[in-house]
C-alpha atoms as a PDB file:
ATOM      1  CA  MET A   1       2.071   7.640  12.824  1.00  0.00           C
ATOM      2  CA  ASN A   2       2.997   7.658   9.142  1.00  0.00           C
ATOM      3  CA  GLU A   3       4.383   4.361   7.885  1.00  0.00           C
ATOM      4  CA  THR A   4       6.832   4.219   5.127  1.00  0.00           C
ATOM      5  CA  PHE A   5       5.789   2.598   1.771  1.00  0.00           C
ATOM      6  CA  GLU A   6       8.168  -0.227   2.571  1.00  0.00           C
ATOM      7  CA  GLU A   7       6.451  -0.975   6.020  1.00  0.00           C
ATOM      8  CA  ASN A   8       3.076  -0.666   4.398  1.00  0.00           C
ATOM      9  CA  TYR A   9       4.008  -3.180   1.793  1.00  0.00           C
ATOM     10  CA  GLU A  10       5.247  -5.585   4.186  1.00  0.00           C
ATOM     11  CA  LYS A  11       1.918  -5.295   6.122  1.00  0.00           C
ATOM     12  CA  LEU A  12       0.148  -5.878   2.894  1.00  0.00           C
ATOM     13  CA  LYS A  13       2.181  -9.035   2.137  1.00  0.00           C
ATOM     14  CA  LYS A  14       1.353 -10.410   5.633  1.00  0.00           C
ATOM     15  CA  LEU A  15      -2.245  -9.715   5.286  1.00  0.00           C
ATOM     16  CA  LEU A  16      -2.353 -11.529   1.865  1.00  0.00           C
ATOM     17  CA  GLU A  17      -0.600 -14.581   3.514  1.00  0.00           C
ATOM     18  CA  ASP A  18      -3.048 -14.383   6.340  1.00  0.00           C
ATOM     19  CA  LEU A  19      -5.924 -14.311   3.842  1.00  0.00           C
ATOM     20  CA  GLU A  20      -4.552 -17.470   2.184  1.00  0.00           C
ATOM     21  CA  ASN A  21      -4.386 -19.217   5.447  1.00  0.00           C
ATOM     22  CA  THR A  22      -8.023 -18.625   6.559  1.00  0.00           C
ATOM     23  CA  LYS A  23      -9.838 -20.033   3.602  1.00  0.00           C
ATOM     24  CA  ASP A  24     -12.266 -21.791   6.045  1.00  0.00           C
ATOM     25  CA  ASN A  25     -13.422 -18.910   7.876  1.00  0.00           C
ATOM     26  CA  LEU A  26     -15.388 -16.488   5.946  1.00  0.00           C
ATOM     27  CA  ASP A  27     -15.883 -13.720   8.479  1.00  0.00           C
ATOM     28  CA  GLN A  28     -12.096 -13.640   9.174  1.00  0.00           C
ATOM     29  CA  SER A  29     -11.345 -13.614   5.390  1.00  0.00           C
ATOM     30  CA  PHE A  30     -13.503 -10.839   4.830  1.00  0.00           C
ATOM     31  CA  LYS A  31     -11.958  -8.830   7.733  1.00  0.00           C
ATOM     32  CA  ILE A  32      -8.518  -9.444   6.328  1.00  0.00           C
ATOM     33  CA  TYR A  33      -9.716  -8.625   2.892  1.00  0.00           C
ATOM     34  CA  SER A  34     -11.092  -5.300   4.016  1.00  0.00           C
ATOM     35  CA  GLU A  35      -7.901  -4.386   5.747  1.00  0.00           C
ATOM     36  CA  ALA A  36      -5.740  -5.318   2.839  1.00  0.00           C
ATOM     37  CA  LYS A  37      -7.852  -3.271   0.505  1.00  0.00           C
ATOM     38  CA  GLU A  38      -7.495  -0.243   2.671  1.00  0.00           C
ATOM     39  CA  LEU A  39      -3.768  -0.668   2.933  1.00  0.00           C
ATOM     40  CA  TYR A  40      -3.473  -1.157  -0.895  1.00  0.00           C
ATOM     41  CA  GLN A  41      -5.278   2.052  -1.269  1.00  0.00           C
ATOM     42  CA  LYS A  42      -2.828   3.842   1.090  1.00  0.00           C
ATOM     43  CA  LEU A  43       0.011   2.316  -0.934  1.00  0.00           C
ATOM     44  CA  GLU A  44      -1.437   3.561  -4.182  1.00  0.00           C
ATOM     45  CA  LYS A  45      -1.752   7.124  -2.709  1.00  0.00           C
ATOM     46  CA  GLN A  46       1.937   6.889  -1.408  1.00  0.00           C
ATOM     47  CA  LEU A  47       3.023   5.999  -5.022  1.00  0.00           C
ATOM     48  CA  GLU A  48       1.063   8.855  -6.354  1.00  0.00           C
ATOM     49  CA  ASP A  49       2.562  11.130  -4.024  1.00  0.00           C
ATOM     50  CA  TYR A  50       6.159   9.949  -4.870  1.00  0.00           C
ATOM     51  CA  LYS A  51       5.442  10.228  -8.631  1.00  0.00           C
ATOM     52  CA  ALA A  52       4.249  13.840  -8.203  1.00  0.00           C
ATOM     53  CA  LYS A  53       7.482  14.523  -6.252  1.00  0.00           C
ATOM     54  CA  VAL A  54       9.642  12.958  -9.086  1.00  0.00           C
ATOM     55  CA  ASP A  55       7.723  14.919 -11.568  1.00  0.00           C
ATOM     56  CA  ILE A  56       8.479  18.182  -9.844  1.00  0.00           C
ATOM     57  CA  ILE A  57      12.143  17.386  -9.492  1.00  0.00           C
ATOM     58  CA  SER A  58      12.304  16.457 -13.038  1.00  0.00           C
ATOM     59  CA  GLU A  59      10.503  19.651 -14.072  1.00  0.00           C
ATOM     60  CA  GLU A  60      13.108  21.811 -11.949  1.00  0.00           C
ATOM     61  CA  LYS A  61      16.099  19.773 -13.617  1.00  0.00           C
ATOM     62  CA  SER A  62      14.790  20.562 -17.021  1.00  0.00           C
ATOM     63  CA  VAL A  63      14.355  24.287 -16.242  1.00  0.00           C
ATOM     64  CA  ASP A  64      17.983  24.589 -14.953  1.00  0.00           C
END
Protein backbone atom coordinates (compact mmCIF):
# COMPACT_ATOMS: atom_id res chain seq x y z
CA MET A 1 0.00 0.00 0.00
CA ASN A 2 1.34 3.43 -0.96
CA GLU A 3 0.90 5.96 1.78
CA THR A 4 0.45 9.62 0.96
CA PHE A 5 3.13 12.15 1.76
CA GLU A 6 1.00 13.44 4.60
CA GLU A 7 0.55 9.97 6.11
CA ASN A 8 4.29 9.32 5.96
CA TYR A 9 5.03 12.74 7.44
CA GLU A 10 2.72 12.03 10.39
CA LYS A 11 4.42 8.66 10.91
CA LEU A 12 7.81 10.37 10.92
CA LYS A 13 6.64 12.91 13.49
CA LYS A 14 5.39 10.06 15.70
CA LEU A 15 8.70 8.21 15.39
CA LEU A 16 10.60 11.34 16.38
CA GLU A 17 8.37 11.76 19.43
CA ASP A 18 8.98 8.11 20.31
CA LEU A 19 12.71 8.64 19.91
CA GLU A 20 12.63 11.54 22.35
CA ASN A 21 10.79 9.37 24.87
CA THR A 22 13.20 6.40 24.73
CA LYS A 23 16.38 8.16 25.82
CA ASP A 24 17.28 5.43 28.32
CA ASN A 25 16.95 2.47 25.95
CA LEU A 26 19.72 2.50 23.37
CA ASP A 27 18.50 -0.56 21.45
CA GLN A 28 14.98 0.83 21.13
CA SER A 29 16.34 4.27 20.20
CA PHE A 30 18.45 2.75 17.44
CA LYS A 31 15.49 0.80 16.07
CA ILE A 32 13.31 3.91 16.00
CA TYR A 33 16.13 5.94 14.45
CA SER A 34 16.52 3.35 11.67
CA GLU A 35 12.79 3.39 10.94
CA ALA A 36 12.75 7.19 10.93
CA LYS A 37 15.71 7.33 8.55
CA GLU A 38 14.00 4.97 6.10
CA LEU A 39 10.80 6.97 6.28
CA TYR A 40 12.70 10.23 5.78
CA GLN A 41 14.28 8.79 2.64
CA LYS A 42 10.84 7.75 1.39
CA LEU A 43 9.52 11.27 2.03
CA GLU A 44 12.48 12.76 0.22
CA LYS A 45 11.77 10.52 -2.79
CA GLN A 46 8.10 11.50 -2.74
CA LEU A 47 9.07 15.18 -2.77
CA GLU A 48 11.43 14.61 -5.69
CA ASP A 49 8.62 12.87 -7.59
CA TYR A 50 6.24 15.75 -6.90
CA LYS A 51 8.85 18.27 -8.00
CA ALA A 52 9.37 16.38 -11.26
CA LYS A 53 5.62 16.43 -11.90
CA VAL A 54 5.46 20.17 -11.20
CA ASP A 55 8.38 20.74 -13.56
CA ILE A 56 6.61 18.79 -16.31
CA ILE A 57 3.38 20.73 -15.79
CA SER A 58 5.29 24.03 -15.79
CA GLU A 59 7.03 23.12 -19.03
CA GLU A 60 3.70 22.17 -20.64
CA LYS A 61 2.15 25.48 -19.57
CA SER A 62 5.05 27.50 -20.97
CA VAL A 63 4.80 25.70 -24.35
CA ASP A 64 1.07 26.45 -24.65
